[in-house]
Every structure is written in C-alpha cells, then in structure tokens.
Amino acid sequence: CRGTKDRSWGVRNVGEPGPVGAPVVPKGICFVWAPLFWEDRITHAIFFDGEQGEPLVREGIVAPLFAGPEAVPEGGALDTRMATARHRIKYHKGTRLARSAELDLVGHDGAVETISMEPILRFQMKGLGYFHPTWGQGMWKGELAVGHETFDPRQIDPLAPENIHVQQVVRLKSGAREGIGVLEQVCIGPYAPGGFTQFLDGASGDD
C-alpha cells in the first residue's frame, strides 16, 4: 500500500471571509503537486505558475525508497534536489482536468528525466472541504453539525468552482521504469499554457 502525507498546512484562507476593501480582480494561477512512487525511489514535484506559465515555485526531489525503518541509513536518507522541474498537461475538452501529463526533472548537470502520467482514478478535493460552498474548511456550524453529500464524479460540472480542485491516481512511466502516484491540480483564472483566457473556461480541442 502506497500513501502520502501532506504536511504543507500553514496560513490558509479558511472560515467565513472578513470585511474587505475595494474588489480585486483575481489573477490566474496553476498549482500542481505530484508525489510519485517507484520500486526503489520516490520522486516529488510541486509547481505554482502565474498566468503566463511563469514559474513562481518550482521544486523537484528524488529520494530512495526503503523497505522499512530498519533499512534507513544512520543520519537519514539523502534526497537529491533537482535544479528545476517542468510540467506539461493535456486537458479533457471543456474542462481543466488533466487527461495526461508529463513531468521533467532537471538535474544540476542539465540531465532531464521525463515522467509520463496516465490518470486512472479521480478524487474531488471538495470532499475534504476545499472550495466547498457549505462545508468549507474552518466554517463555523455550531457546537454540533452533521451532514453528508453524495455525488457522481462523472455527472458533476467540472468547471464549477468547488470541482476545480482534484487529485488523480496516475500510472507512471520513465524509460523502462513504471510506478504509481498522485497528480493534484487546481487551475483558476487565465492560464496561457492551458489556453485558458477566462476565470473558469475549459480546454478547447480534441478530448
């Protein structure tokens, strides 16, 4: 069983919004997070892109994968941090959901490893409260509130704001290597690499 633990929690916009001043036109941003598992290693990449695809955050890491705690060398495992990383995503027509993706890990010597990702399973992040209009993270519901929601991911509007944030289980290939991992993405607003020009328009072209 492979799994991930996201320890990125920091300052977040949670709960009911407070008073604001003059309205601000939101800018486009694309977030991609990819923890990937192989037979003998783990690779990881995280991206924040601006509207034109300009890199705001780029990070790529390769680390060994051990059978258990007893196999970890004294002093801990040594991860290798890449010089940079790149991503390319093809979207399902009329959505902002990846139908395939490629990831480049670029070493300090200029060597490039390209990883292809094939989505096989989707998880809507609104199930954890992200962008959920009613059960958003940190929203006060009284001393005790219980509720539930049932939806078919195949029937929901993929461009509704609460449905933009997704994780997908992906099959991986890198040369002869094969693996499995997670591709998380949320893309809001104009984003030139995806061909998006509006706040929540979908991809054009063939599916």
N, C-alpha and C. Protein backbone atom coordinates (compact mmCIF):
# COMPACT_ATOMS: atom_id res chain seq x y z
N CYS A 1 0.85 -1.19 0.00
CA CYS A 1 0.00 0.00 0.00
C CYS A 1 0.88 1.24 0.00
N ARG A 2 0.69 2.12 -0.96
CA ARG A 2 1.43 3.37 -1.02
C ARG A 2 0.52 4.50 -0.53
N GLY A 3 1.12 5.49 0.10
CA GLY A 3 0.32 6.61 0.58
C GLY A 3 1.17 7.86 0.68
N THR A 4 0.52 8.98 0.88
CA THR A 4 1.20 10.24 1.05
C THR A 4 0.65 10.95 2.27
N LYS A 5 1.48 11.78 2.88
CA LYS A 5 1.05 12.62 3.99
C LYS A 5 1.44 14.04 3.66
N ASP A 6 0.43 14.88 3.47
CA ASP A 6 0.66 16.28 3.11
C ASP A 6 0.91 17.08 4.39
N ARG A 7 2.12 17.60 4.52
CA ARG A 7 2.47 18.38 5.71
C ARG A 7 2.64 19.86 5.34
N SER A 8 1.91 20.30 4.34
CA SER A 8 2.09 21.67 3.85
C SER A 8 1.23 22.68 4.58
N TRP A 9 0.43 22.25 5.57
CA TRP A 9 -0.51 23.18 6.20
C TRP A 9 0.22 24.35 6.82
N GLY A 10 -0.24 25.53 6.49
CA GLY A 10 0.29 26.76 7.04
C GLY A 10 -0.84 27.76 7.13
N VAL A 11 -0.59 29.00 6.72
CA VAL A 11 -1.64 30.01 6.72
C VAL A 11 -2.57 29.74 5.54
N ARG A 12 -3.84 29.54 5.82
CA ARG A 12 -4.83 29.26 4.78
C ARG A 12 -6.02 30.18 4.94
N ASN A 13 -6.69 30.44 3.84
CA ASN A 13 -7.95 31.18 3.88
C ASN A 13 -9.06 30.21 4.23
N VAL A 14 -9.38 30.10 5.52
CA VAL A 14 -10.42 29.19 5.97
C VAL A 14 -11.48 29.98 6.72
N GLY A 15 -12.67 29.38 6.82
CA GLY A 15 -13.75 30.03 7.54
C GLY A 15 -14.41 31.11 6.70
N GLU A 16 -15.35 31.83 7.34
CA GLU A 16 -16.08 32.87 6.67
C GLU A 16 -15.16 34.06 6.39
N PRO A 17 -15.25 34.66 5.20
CA PRO A 17 -14.38 35.80 4.89
C PRO A 17 -14.74 37.02 5.73
N GLY A 18 -13.71 37.78 6.09
CA GLY A 18 -13.93 39.01 6.83
C GLY A 18 -14.20 40.16 5.90
N PRO A 19 -14.42 41.37 6.43
CA PRO A 19 -14.66 42.55 5.60
C PRO A 19 -13.46 42.82 4.70
N VAL A 20 -13.76 43.25 3.49
CA VAL A 20 -12.70 43.55 2.52
C VAL A 20 -12.88 44.95 1.99
N GLY A 21 -11.84 45.46 1.36
CA GLY A 21 -11.90 46.79 0.78
C GLY A 21 -12.38 46.74 -0.66
N ALA A 22 -11.73 47.54 -1.50
CA ALA A 22 -12.12 47.58 -2.91
C ALA A 22 -11.93 46.22 -3.55
N PRO A 23 -12.84 45.80 -4.43
CA PRO A 23 -12.71 44.49 -5.06
C PRO A 23 -11.44 44.40 -5.90
N VAL A 24 -10.84 43.23 -5.89
CA VAL A 24 -9.61 42.98 -6.64
C VAL A 24 -9.90 41.92 -7.70
N VAL A 25 -9.50 42.21 -8.93
CA VAL A 25 -9.68 41.23 -9.99
C VAL A 25 -8.71 40.08 -9.77
N PRO A 26 -9.22 38.85 -9.58
CA PRO A 26 -8.30 37.74 -9.30
C PRO A 26 -7.41 37.42 -10.49
N LYS A 27 -6.17 37.09 -10.20
CA LYS A 27 -5.24 36.70 -11.25
C LYS A 27 -5.26 35.19 -11.41
N GLY A 28 -4.79 34.75 -12.57
CA GLY A 28 -4.74 33.32 -12.81
C GLY A 28 -3.58 32.67 -12.08
N ILE A 29 -3.79 31.43 -11.66
CA ILE A 29 -2.73 30.66 -11.02
C ILE A 29 -2.97 29.18 -11.27
N CYS A 30 -1.90 28.44 -11.41
CA CYS A 30 -1.98 26.99 -11.61
C CYS A 30 -1.09 26.32 -10.57
N PHE A 31 -1.67 25.38 -9.83
CA PHE A 31 -0.94 24.63 -8.80
C PHE A 31 -0.92 23.16 -9.20
N VAL A 32 0.25 22.55 -9.15
CA VAL A 32 0.42 21.13 -9.46
C VAL A 32 1.29 20.52 -8.37
N TRP A 33 0.87 19.35 -7.88
CA TRP A 33 1.60 18.65 -6.81
C TRP A 33 1.65 17.18 -7.19
N ALA A 34 2.83 16.58 -7.19
CA ALA A 34 2.96 15.21 -7.70
C ALA A 34 3.94 14.38 -6.88
N PRO A 35 3.45 13.68 -5.83
CA PRO A 35 4.27 12.68 -5.15
C PRO A 35 4.15 11.34 -5.89
N LEU A 36 5.27 10.79 -6.32
CA LEU A 36 5.26 9.63 -7.21
C LEU A 36 6.13 8.52 -6.65
N PHE A 37 5.61 7.29 -6.70
CA PHE A 37 6.28 6.13 -6.10
C PHE A 37 6.76 5.17 -7.19
N TRP A 38 8.02 4.72 -7.02
CA TRP A 38 8.64 3.75 -7.91
C TRP A 38 9.09 2.56 -7.05
N GLU A 39 9.66 1.56 -7.69
CA GLU A 39 10.06 0.36 -6.95
C GLU A 39 11.13 0.66 -5.91
N ASP A 40 12.05 1.55 -6.22
CA ASP A 40 13.19 1.77 -5.34
C ASP A 40 13.40 3.23 -4.95
N ARG A 41 12.45 4.10 -5.28
CA ARG A 41 12.64 5.52 -5.01
C ARG A 41 11.31 6.24 -5.02
N ILE A 42 11.38 7.48 -4.60
CA ILE A 42 10.24 8.38 -4.65
C ILE A 42 10.69 9.64 -5.39
N THR A 43 9.84 10.14 -6.27
CA THR A 43 10.09 11.44 -6.87
C THR A 43 8.94 12.37 -6.50
N HIS A 44 9.25 13.64 -6.40
CA HIS A 44 8.24 14.61 -5.97
C HIS A 44 8.47 15.91 -6.72
N ALA A 45 7.37 16.55 -7.08
CA ALA A 45 7.47 17.87 -7.71
C ALA A 45 6.29 18.71 -7.29
N ILE A 46 6.52 20.02 -7.19
CA ILE A 46 5.46 20.96 -6.86
C ILE A 46 5.66 22.22 -7.70
N PHE A 47 4.55 22.79 -8.16
CA PHE A 47 4.60 23.95 -9.03
C PHE A 47 3.53 24.97 -8.64
N PHE A 48 3.88 26.23 -8.70
CA PHE A 48 2.93 27.32 -8.77
C PHE A 48 3.32 28.14 -10.00
N ASP A 49 2.36 28.30 -10.92
CA ASP A 49 2.59 29.09 -12.12
C ASP A 49 1.71 30.32 -12.11
N GLY A 50 2.22 31.41 -12.68
CA GLY A 50 1.41 32.59 -12.93
C GLY A 50 0.62 32.46 -14.22
N GLU A 51 -0.06 33.53 -14.61
CA GLU A 51 -0.97 33.50 -15.75
C GLU A 51 -0.31 33.08 -17.05
N GLN A 52 0.92 33.49 -17.26
CA GLN A 52 1.63 33.17 -18.50
C GLN A 52 2.42 31.87 -18.41
N GLY A 53 2.28 31.18 -17.29
CA GLY A 53 3.07 29.97 -17.07
C GLY A 53 4.41 30.27 -16.44
N GLU A 54 4.60 31.54 -16.02
CA GLU A 54 5.87 31.90 -15.40
C GLU A 54 6.02 31.19 -14.06
N PRO A 55 7.22 30.69 -13.75
CA PRO A 55 7.43 29.92 -12.53
C PRO A 55 7.44 30.79 -11.28
N LEU A 56 6.51 30.55 -10.40
CA LEU A 56 6.51 31.19 -9.10
C LEU A 56 7.17 30.27 -8.07
N VAL A 57 6.91 28.96 -8.19
CA VAL A 57 7.55 27.93 -7.37
C VAL A 57 7.85 26.75 -8.28
N ARG A 58 9.07 26.25 -8.20
CA ARG A 58 9.48 25.04 -8.92
C ARG A 58 10.33 24.21 -7.97
N GLU A 59 9.95 22.96 -7.76
CA GLU A 59 10.76 22.10 -6.92
C GLU A 59 10.64 20.66 -7.39
N GLY A 60 11.75 20.00 -7.52
CA GLY A 60 11.79 18.59 -7.86
C GLY A 60 12.75 17.87 -6.92
N ILE A 61 12.36 16.70 -6.45
CA ILE A 61 13.15 15.94 -5.49
C ILE A 61 13.14 14.47 -5.88
N VAL A 62 14.26 13.79 -5.70
CA VAL A 62 14.36 12.34 -5.84
C VAL A 62 14.92 11.80 -4.53
N ALA A 63 14.28 10.77 -3.98
CA ALA A 63 14.74 10.18 -2.72
C ALA A 63 14.62 8.67 -2.79
N PRO A 64 15.52 7.94 -2.10
CA PRO A 64 15.44 6.47 -2.11
C PRO A 64 14.21 5.99 -1.34
N LEU A 65 13.71 4.84 -1.73
CA LEU A 65 12.58 4.19 -1.04
C LEU A 65 13.10 2.95 -0.34
N PHE A 66 12.82 2.84 0.96
CA PHE A 66 13.34 1.73 1.76
C PHE A 66 12.21 0.79 2.16
N ALA A 67 12.58 -0.47 2.39
CA ALA A 67 11.59 -1.49 2.75
C ALA A 67 10.99 -1.25 4.12
N GLY A 68 11.73 -0.61 5.01
CA GLY A 68 11.24 -0.34 6.36
C GLY A 68 12.20 0.56 7.08
N PRO A 69 11.85 1.00 8.30
CA PRO A 69 12.70 1.92 9.05
C PRO A 69 14.10 1.37 9.31
N GLU A 70 14.20 0.04 9.46
CA GLU A 70 15.49 -0.55 9.76
C GLU A 70 16.48 -0.43 8.60
N ALA A 71 15.96 -0.20 7.40
CA ALA A 71 16.84 -0.10 6.23
C ALA A 71 17.34 1.32 5.98
N VAL A 72 16.79 2.28 6.70
CA VAL A 72 17.21 3.67 6.50
C VAL A 72 18.60 3.86 7.11
N PRO A 73 19.56 4.38 6.36
CA PRO A 73 20.92 4.55 6.89
C PRO A 73 20.95 5.56 8.03
N GLU A 74 21.93 5.41 8.89
CA GLU A 74 22.07 6.32 10.02
C GLU A 74 22.25 7.75 9.50
N GLY A 75 21.53 8.66 10.12
CA GLY A 75 21.57 10.04 9.65
C GLY A 75 20.44 10.35 8.71
N GLY A 76 19.67 9.34 8.32
CA GLY A 76 18.52 9.57 7.46
C GLY A 76 18.87 9.43 5.99
N ALA A 77 17.83 9.32 5.18
CA ALA A 77 18.02 9.19 3.74
C ALA A 77 18.42 10.53 3.14
N LEU A 78 19.26 10.49 2.15
CA LEU A 78 19.70 11.70 1.48
C LEU A 78 18.88 11.89 0.21
N ASP A 79 18.07 12.94 0.18
CA ASP A 79 17.32 13.23 -1.03
C ASP A 79 18.17 14.09 -1.95
N THR A 80 17.85 14.04 -3.22
CA THR A 80 18.53 14.82 -4.23
C THR A 80 17.57 15.88 -4.76
N ARG A 81 17.93 17.14 -4.60
CA ARG A 81 17.07 18.22 -5.07
C ARG A 81 17.52 18.65 -6.46
N MET A 82 16.53 18.68 -7.37
CA MET A 82 16.81 19.00 -8.75
C MET A 82 17.09 20.49 -8.93
N ALA A 83 17.71 20.82 -10.05
CA ALA A 83 17.92 22.22 -10.38
C ALA A 83 16.58 22.91 -10.63
N THR A 84 15.69 22.20 -11.30
CA THR A 84 14.35 22.72 -11.54
C THR A 84 13.47 21.58 -12.01
N ALA A 85 12.22 21.89 -12.30
CA ALA A 85 11.29 20.90 -12.83
C ALA A 85 10.34 21.61 -13.78
N ARG A 86 9.76 20.85 -14.69
CA ARG A 86 8.80 21.40 -15.65
C ARG A 86 7.62 20.45 -15.76
N HIS A 87 6.49 20.98 -16.18
CA HIS A 87 5.32 20.12 -16.39
C HIS A 87 4.59 20.51 -17.66
N ARG A 88 3.94 19.53 -18.25
CA ARG A 88 3.09 19.73 -19.43
C ARG A 88 1.82 18.92 -19.20
N ILE A 89 0.68 19.58 -19.34
CA ILE A 89 -0.60 18.92 -19.08
C ILE A 89 -1.50 19.04 -20.30
N LYS A 90 -2.12 17.94 -20.68
CA LYS A 90 -3.18 17.95 -21.68
C LYS A 90 -4.51 17.74 -20.95
N TYR A 91 -5.50 18.55 -21.31
CA TYR A 91 -6.75 18.59 -20.57
C TYR A 91 -7.88 17.93 -21.36
N HIS A 92 -8.84 17.37 -20.63
CA HIS A 92 -10.07 16.92 -21.26
C HIS A 92 -10.80 18.13 -21.84
N LYS A 93 -11.38 17.97 -23.00
CA LYS A 93 -12.07 19.06 -23.67
C LYS A 93 -13.18 19.62 -22.78
N GLY A 94 -13.25 20.94 -22.68
CA GLY A 94 -14.29 21.59 -21.91
C GLY A 94 -14.08 21.56 -20.42
N THR A 95 -12.88 21.17 -19.97
CA THR A 95 -12.58 21.08 -18.54
C THR A 95 -11.19 21.66 -18.26
N ARG A 96 -10.83 21.63 -16.99
CA ARG A 96 -9.45 21.91 -16.57
C ARG A 96 -8.86 20.69 -15.88
N LEU A 97 -9.34 19.53 -16.27
CA LEU A 97 -8.92 18.26 -15.69
C LEU A 97 -7.91 17.58 -16.61
N ALA A 98 -6.78 17.16 -16.02
CA ALA A 98 -5.73 16.53 -16.82
C ALA A 98 -6.19 15.19 -17.38
N ARG A 99 -5.99 14.99 -18.67
CA ARG A 99 -6.20 13.67 -19.27
C ARG A 99 -4.87 12.95 -19.46
N SER A 100 -3.78 13.69 -19.44
CA SER A 100 -2.43 13.13 -19.42
C SER A 100 -1.48 14.24 -19.00
N ALA A 101 -0.30 13.87 -18.56
CA ALA A 101 0.67 14.87 -18.14
C ALA A 101 2.08 14.31 -18.27
N GLU A 102 3.02 15.22 -18.42
CA GLU A 102 4.45 14.89 -18.40
C GLU A 102 5.15 15.80 -17.42
N LEU A 103 6.14 15.25 -16.78
CA LEU A 103 6.93 15.97 -15.78
C LEU A 103 8.41 15.79 -16.11
N ASP A 104 9.14 16.88 -16.16
CA ASP A 104 10.59 16.83 -16.35
C ASP A 104 11.29 17.17 -15.05
N LEU A 105 12.19 16.29 -14.62
CA LEU A 105 13.09 16.59 -13.52
C LEU A 105 14.44 16.93 -14.11
N VAL A 106 14.92 18.14 -13.85
CA VAL A 106 16.14 18.64 -14.48
C VAL A 106 17.25 18.68 -13.44
N GLY A 107 18.31 17.92 -13.67
CA GLY A 107 19.43 17.86 -12.74
C GLY A 107 20.33 19.08 -12.87
N HIS A 108 21.23 19.23 -11.91
CA HIS A 108 22.16 20.36 -11.94
C HIS A 108 23.18 20.23 -13.07
N ASP A 109 23.31 19.01 -13.62
CA ASP A 109 24.20 18.82 -14.76
C ASP A 109 23.46 18.99 -16.09
N GLY A 110 22.18 19.36 -16.02
CA GLY A 110 21.39 19.56 -17.23
C GLY A 110 20.65 18.32 -17.71
N ALA A 111 20.93 17.17 -17.08
CA ALA A 111 20.25 15.94 -17.48
C ALA A 111 18.76 16.04 -17.15
N VAL A 112 17.93 15.51 -18.04
CA VAL A 112 16.48 15.60 -17.89
C VAL A 112 15.87 14.21 -17.85
N GLU A 113 15.09 13.95 -16.81
CA GLU A 113 14.28 12.73 -16.76
C GLU A 113 12.83 13.12 -16.98
N THR A 114 12.21 12.51 -17.99
CA THR A 114 10.81 12.80 -18.30
C THR A 114 9.92 11.67 -17.79
N ILE A 115 8.91 12.04 -17.03
CA ILE A 115 7.97 11.10 -16.44
C ILE A 115 6.60 11.34 -17.07
N SER A 116 6.00 10.29 -17.62
CA SER A 116 4.65 10.42 -18.17
C SER A 116 3.64 9.91 -17.15
N MET A 117 2.47 10.56 -17.11
CA MET A 117 1.44 10.24 -16.13
C MET A 117 0.11 9.98 -16.84
N GLU A 118 -0.48 8.84 -16.52
CA GLU A 118 -1.78 8.45 -17.07
C GLU A 118 -2.80 8.36 -15.94
N PRO A 119 -3.76 9.29 -15.87
CA PRO A 119 -4.76 9.25 -14.79
C PRO A 119 -5.65 8.01 -14.88
N ILE A 120 -5.91 7.39 -13.71
CA ILE A 120 -6.77 6.20 -13.68
C ILE A 120 -7.89 6.33 -12.65
N LEU A 121 -7.82 7.30 -11.75
CA LEU A 121 -8.83 7.44 -10.70
C LEU A 121 -8.82 8.89 -10.23
N ARG A 122 -10.05 9.46 -10.03
CA ARG A 122 -10.15 10.87 -9.64
C ARG A 122 -10.79 11.00 -8.27
N PHE A 123 -10.26 11.95 -7.49
CA PHE A 123 -10.82 12.29 -6.19
C PHE A 123 -11.09 13.78 -6.14
N GLN A 124 -12.32 14.15 -5.84
CA GLN A 124 -12.69 15.56 -5.75
C GLN A 124 -12.29 16.11 -4.39
N MET A 125 -11.45 17.12 -4.38
CA MET A 125 -10.93 17.65 -3.14
C MET A 125 -11.98 18.39 -2.31
N LYS A 126 -13.13 18.69 -2.90
CA LYS A 126 -14.19 19.31 -2.10
C LYS A 126 -14.66 18.36 -1.00
N GLY A 127 -14.39 17.07 -1.18
CA GLY A 127 -14.73 16.10 -0.14
C GLY A 127 -13.94 16.34 1.14
N LEU A 128 -12.83 17.09 1.06
CA LEU A 128 -12.05 17.47 2.24
C LEU A 128 -12.32 18.91 2.65
N GLY A 129 -13.25 19.56 1.96
CA GLY A 129 -13.61 20.93 2.31
C GLY A 129 -13.05 21.99 1.38
N TYR A 130 -12.11 21.63 0.51
CA TYR A 130 -11.52 22.62 -0.38
C TYR A 130 -12.58 23.20 -1.32
N PHE A 131 -12.80 24.50 -1.25
CA PHE A 131 -13.73 25.22 -2.12
C PHE A 131 -15.19 24.79 -1.95
N HIS A 132 -15.48 23.97 -0.94
CA HIS A 132 -16.87 23.53 -0.78
C HIS A 132 -17.72 24.72 -0.32
N PRO A 133 -18.86 24.97 -0.99
CA PRO A 133 -19.65 26.17 -0.66
C PRO A 133 -20.33 26.09 0.70
N THR A 134 -20.54 24.90 1.24
CA THR A 134 -21.24 24.74 2.52
C THR A 134 -20.35 24.22 3.62
N TRP A 135 -19.50 23.26 3.31
CA TRP A 135 -18.68 22.60 4.32
C TRP A 135 -17.21 22.94 4.13
N GLY A 136 -16.93 24.21 3.81
CA GLY A 136 -15.55 24.64 3.65
C GLY A 136 -14.77 24.53 4.94
N GLN A 137 -13.46 24.44 4.81
CA GLN A 137 -12.59 24.26 5.98
C GLN A 137 -12.71 25.45 6.93
N GLY A 138 -12.89 25.16 8.20
CA GLY A 138 -12.90 26.18 9.22
C GLY A 138 -14.19 26.97 9.34
N MET A 139 -15.24 26.57 8.65
CA MET A 139 -16.51 27.29 8.72
C MET A 139 -17.29 26.86 9.97
N TRP A 140 -17.75 27.83 10.74
CA TRP A 140 -18.46 27.55 11.99
C TRP A 140 -19.88 27.10 11.72
N LYS A 141 -20.23 25.92 12.25
CA LYS A 141 -21.56 25.34 12.04
C LYS A 141 -22.29 25.14 13.36
N GLY A 142 -21.79 25.73 14.45
CA GLY A 142 -22.38 25.49 15.75
C GLY A 142 -21.61 24.42 16.49
N GLU A 143 -22.09 24.12 17.70
CA GLU A 143 -21.39 23.15 18.54
C GLU A 143 -21.38 21.76 17.93
N LEU A 144 -22.44 21.40 17.24
CA LEU A 144 -22.50 20.07 16.61
C LEU A 144 -23.25 20.18 15.30
N ALA A 145 -22.61 19.79 14.23
CA ALA A 145 -23.25 19.79 12.92
C ALA A 145 -22.86 18.51 12.21
N VAL A 146 -23.83 17.84 11.67
CA VAL A 146 -23.60 16.58 10.96
C VAL A 146 -24.27 16.68 9.60
N GLY A 147 -23.60 16.24 8.60
CA GLY A 147 -24.18 16.26 7.26
C GLY A 147 -23.44 15.29 6.36
N HIS A 148 -23.97 15.11 5.20
CA HIS A 148 -23.30 14.26 4.22
C HIS A 148 -23.69 14.73 2.82
N GLU A 149 -22.93 14.29 1.86
CA GLU A 149 -23.20 14.64 0.47
C GLU A 149 -22.81 13.45 -0.40
N THR A 150 -23.62 13.16 -1.38
CA THR A 150 -23.33 12.09 -2.32
C THR A 150 -23.35 12.67 -3.73
N PHE A 151 -22.32 12.37 -4.51
CA PHE A 151 -22.29 12.85 -5.89
C PHE A 151 -21.54 11.84 -6.75
N ASP A 152 -21.86 11.84 -8.02
CA ASP A 152 -21.19 11.01 -9.01
C ASP A 152 -20.17 11.88 -9.73
N PRO A 153 -18.87 11.62 -9.58
CA PRO A 153 -17.87 12.47 -10.23
C PRO A 153 -18.04 12.56 -11.74
N ARG A 154 -18.72 11.57 -12.33
CA ARG A 154 -18.91 11.59 -13.78
C ARG A 154 -20.03 12.53 -14.20
N GLN A 155 -20.86 12.97 -13.23
CA GLN A 155 -22.02 13.78 -13.56
C GLN A 155 -21.88 15.24 -13.12
N ILE A 156 -20.90 15.57 -12.31
CA ILE A 156 -20.77 16.93 -11.81
C ILE A 156 -20.25 17.87 -12.89
N ASP A 157 -20.49 19.16 -12.71
CA ASP A 157 -19.96 20.18 -13.61
C ASP A 157 -18.48 20.37 -13.31
N PRO A 158 -17.59 19.99 -14.23
CA PRO A 158 -16.15 20.05 -13.92
C PRO A 158 -15.62 21.48 -13.80
N LEU A 159 -16.39 22.47 -14.24
CA LEU A 159 -15.95 23.85 -14.17
C LEU A 159 -16.61 24.64 -13.05
N ALA A 160 -17.46 23.98 -12.25
CA ALA A 160 -17.98 24.64 -11.06
C ALA A 160 -16.81 24.89 -10.11
N PRO A 161 -16.77 26.05 -9.44
CA PRO A 161 -15.60 26.37 -8.61
C PRO A 161 -15.26 25.30 -7.59
N GLU A 162 -16.27 24.64 -7.00
CA GLU A 162 -15.99 23.63 -5.98
C GLU A 162 -15.43 22.34 -6.57
N ASN A 163 -15.45 22.20 -7.91
CA ASN A 163 -14.99 20.96 -8.54
C ASN A 163 -13.65 21.10 -9.26
N ILE A 164 -13.06 22.29 -9.23
CA ILE A 164 -11.81 22.54 -9.95
C ILE A 164 -10.63 21.82 -9.31
N HIS A 165 -10.64 21.72 -7.98
CA HIS A 165 -9.51 21.15 -7.25
C HIS A 165 -9.64 19.63 -7.19
N VAL A 166 -8.71 18.92 -7.79
CA VAL A 166 -8.79 17.46 -7.88
C VAL A 166 -7.44 16.82 -7.61
N GLN A 167 -7.49 15.57 -7.18
CA GLN A 167 -6.34 14.68 -7.21
C GLN A 167 -6.69 13.49 -8.07
N GLN A 168 -5.70 13.00 -8.81
CA GLN A 168 -5.89 11.80 -9.62
C GLN A 168 -4.76 10.81 -9.34
N VAL A 169 -5.14 9.56 -9.16
CA VAL A 169 -4.14 8.49 -9.12
C VAL A 169 -3.65 8.29 -10.55
N VAL A 170 -2.33 8.21 -10.72
CA VAL A 170 -1.75 8.14 -12.06
C VAL A 170 -0.77 6.98 -12.18
N ARG A 171 -0.80 6.32 -13.34
CA ARG A 171 0.24 5.36 -13.69
C ARG A 171 1.42 6.12 -14.26
N LEU A 172 2.63 5.65 -13.94
CA LEU A 172 3.84 6.37 -14.31
C LEU A 172 4.72 5.54 -15.22
N LYS A 173 5.43 6.24 -16.11
CA LYS A 173 6.47 5.62 -16.91
C LYS A 173 7.63 6.61 -17.04
N SER A 174 8.83 6.07 -16.89
CA SER A 174 10.05 6.83 -17.12
C SER A 174 11.07 5.88 -17.70
N GLY A 175 11.22 5.88 -19.01
CA GLY A 175 12.05 4.87 -19.65
C GLY A 175 11.45 3.49 -19.40
N ALA A 176 12.27 2.57 -18.83
CA ALA A 176 11.78 1.23 -18.53
C ALA A 176 11.10 1.17 -17.16
N ARG A 177 11.20 2.21 -16.38
CA ARG A 177 10.60 2.22 -15.04
C ARG A 177 9.08 2.42 -15.13
N GLU A 178 8.38 1.81 -14.17
CA GLU A 178 6.95 2.03 -14.02
C GLU A 178 6.65 2.29 -12.55
N GLY A 179 5.63 3.07 -12.29
CA GLY A 179 5.27 3.39 -10.91
C GLY A 179 3.84 3.86 -10.82
N ILE A 180 3.50 4.38 -9.65
CA ILE A 180 2.16 4.89 -9.41
C ILE A 180 2.27 6.09 -8.48
N GLY A 181 1.36 7.02 -8.62
CA GLY A 181 1.46 8.22 -7.79
C GLY A 181 0.18 9.04 -7.83
N VAL A 182 0.31 10.29 -7.42
CA VAL A 182 -0.82 11.21 -7.34
C VAL A 182 -0.47 12.47 -8.11
N LEU A 183 -1.43 12.95 -8.88
CA LEU A 183 -1.32 14.24 -9.55
C LEU A 183 -2.44 15.13 -9.03
N GLU A 184 -2.07 16.16 -8.28
CA GLU A 184 -3.04 17.12 -7.76
C GLU A 184 -2.94 18.39 -8.57
N GLN A 185 -4.09 18.98 -8.88
CA GLN A 185 -4.07 20.20 -9.67
C GLN A 185 -5.26 21.09 -9.33
N VAL A 186 -5.01 22.39 -9.39
CA VAL A 186 -6.08 23.38 -9.35
C VAL A 186 -5.60 24.55 -10.19
N CYS A 187 -6.40 24.91 -11.17
CA CYS A 187 -6.05 25.96 -12.10
C CYS A 187 -7.24 26.91 -12.20
N ILE A 188 -7.04 28.15 -11.77
CA ILE A 188 -8.12 29.13 -11.73
C ILE A 188 -7.66 30.39 -12.44
N GLY A 189 -8.55 30.94 -13.26
CA GLY A 189 -8.26 32.18 -13.95
C GLY A 189 -7.51 31.94 -15.25
N PRO A 190 -7.14 33.01 -15.94
CA PRO A 190 -6.39 32.87 -17.19
C PRO A 190 -5.08 32.13 -16.97
N TYR A 191 -4.76 31.24 -17.92
CA TYR A 191 -3.52 30.46 -17.82
C TYR A 191 -3.11 30.09 -19.23
N ALA A 192 -2.11 30.78 -19.76
CA ALA A 192 -1.73 30.66 -21.16
C ALA A 192 -1.35 29.24 -21.59
N PRO A 193 -0.55 28.47 -20.81
CA PRO A 193 -0.20 27.12 -21.27
C PRO A 193 -1.40 26.21 -21.48
N GLY A 194 -2.49 26.45 -20.74
CA GLY A 194 -3.69 25.63 -20.92
C GLY A 194 -4.65 26.20 -21.95
N GLY A 195 -4.34 27.40 -22.47
CA GLY A 195 -5.24 28.05 -23.41
C GLY A 195 -6.45 28.68 -22.73
N PHE A 196 -6.38 28.88 -21.42
CA PHE A 196 -7.49 29.44 -20.67
C PHE A 196 -7.37 30.97 -20.64
N THR A 197 -8.48 31.66 -20.97
CA THR A 197 -8.46 33.11 -21.01
C THR A 197 -9.45 33.73 -20.04
N GLN A 198 -10.36 32.94 -19.50
CA GLN A 198 -11.38 33.43 -18.58
C GLN A 198 -11.14 32.87 -17.18
N PHE A 199 -12.01 33.25 -16.25
CA PHE A 199 -11.84 32.80 -14.88
C PHE A 199 -11.97 31.28 -14.76
N LEU A 200 -12.98 30.71 -15.46
CA LEU A 200 -13.16 29.26 -15.42
C LEU A 200 -13.68 28.75 -16.77
N ASP A 201 -12.94 28.99 -17.83
CA ASP A 201 -13.29 28.39 -19.12
C ASP A 201 -12.56 27.05 -19.24
N GLY A 202 -13.06 26.21 -20.15
CA GLY A 202 -12.49 24.89 -20.32
C GLY A 202 -11.57 24.80 -21.52
N ALA A 203 -10.88 23.68 -21.63
CA ALA A 203 -9.94 23.46 -22.71
C ALA A 203 -10.68 23.25 -24.02
N SER A 204 -10.08 23.73 -25.10
CA SER A 204 -10.62 23.51 -26.43
C SER A 204 -9.89 22.34 -27.07
N GLY A 205 -10.27 22.01 -28.28
CA GLY A 205 -9.59 20.93 -28.99
C GLY A 205 -10.19 19.58 -28.72
N ASP A 206 -9.49 18.55 -29.17
CA ASP A 206 -9.97 17.17 -29.05
C ASP A 206 -9.76 16.66 -27.62
N ASP A 207 -10.67 15.75 -27.19
CA ASP A 207 -10.53 15.13 -25.88
C ASP A 207 -9.50 14.02 -25.95
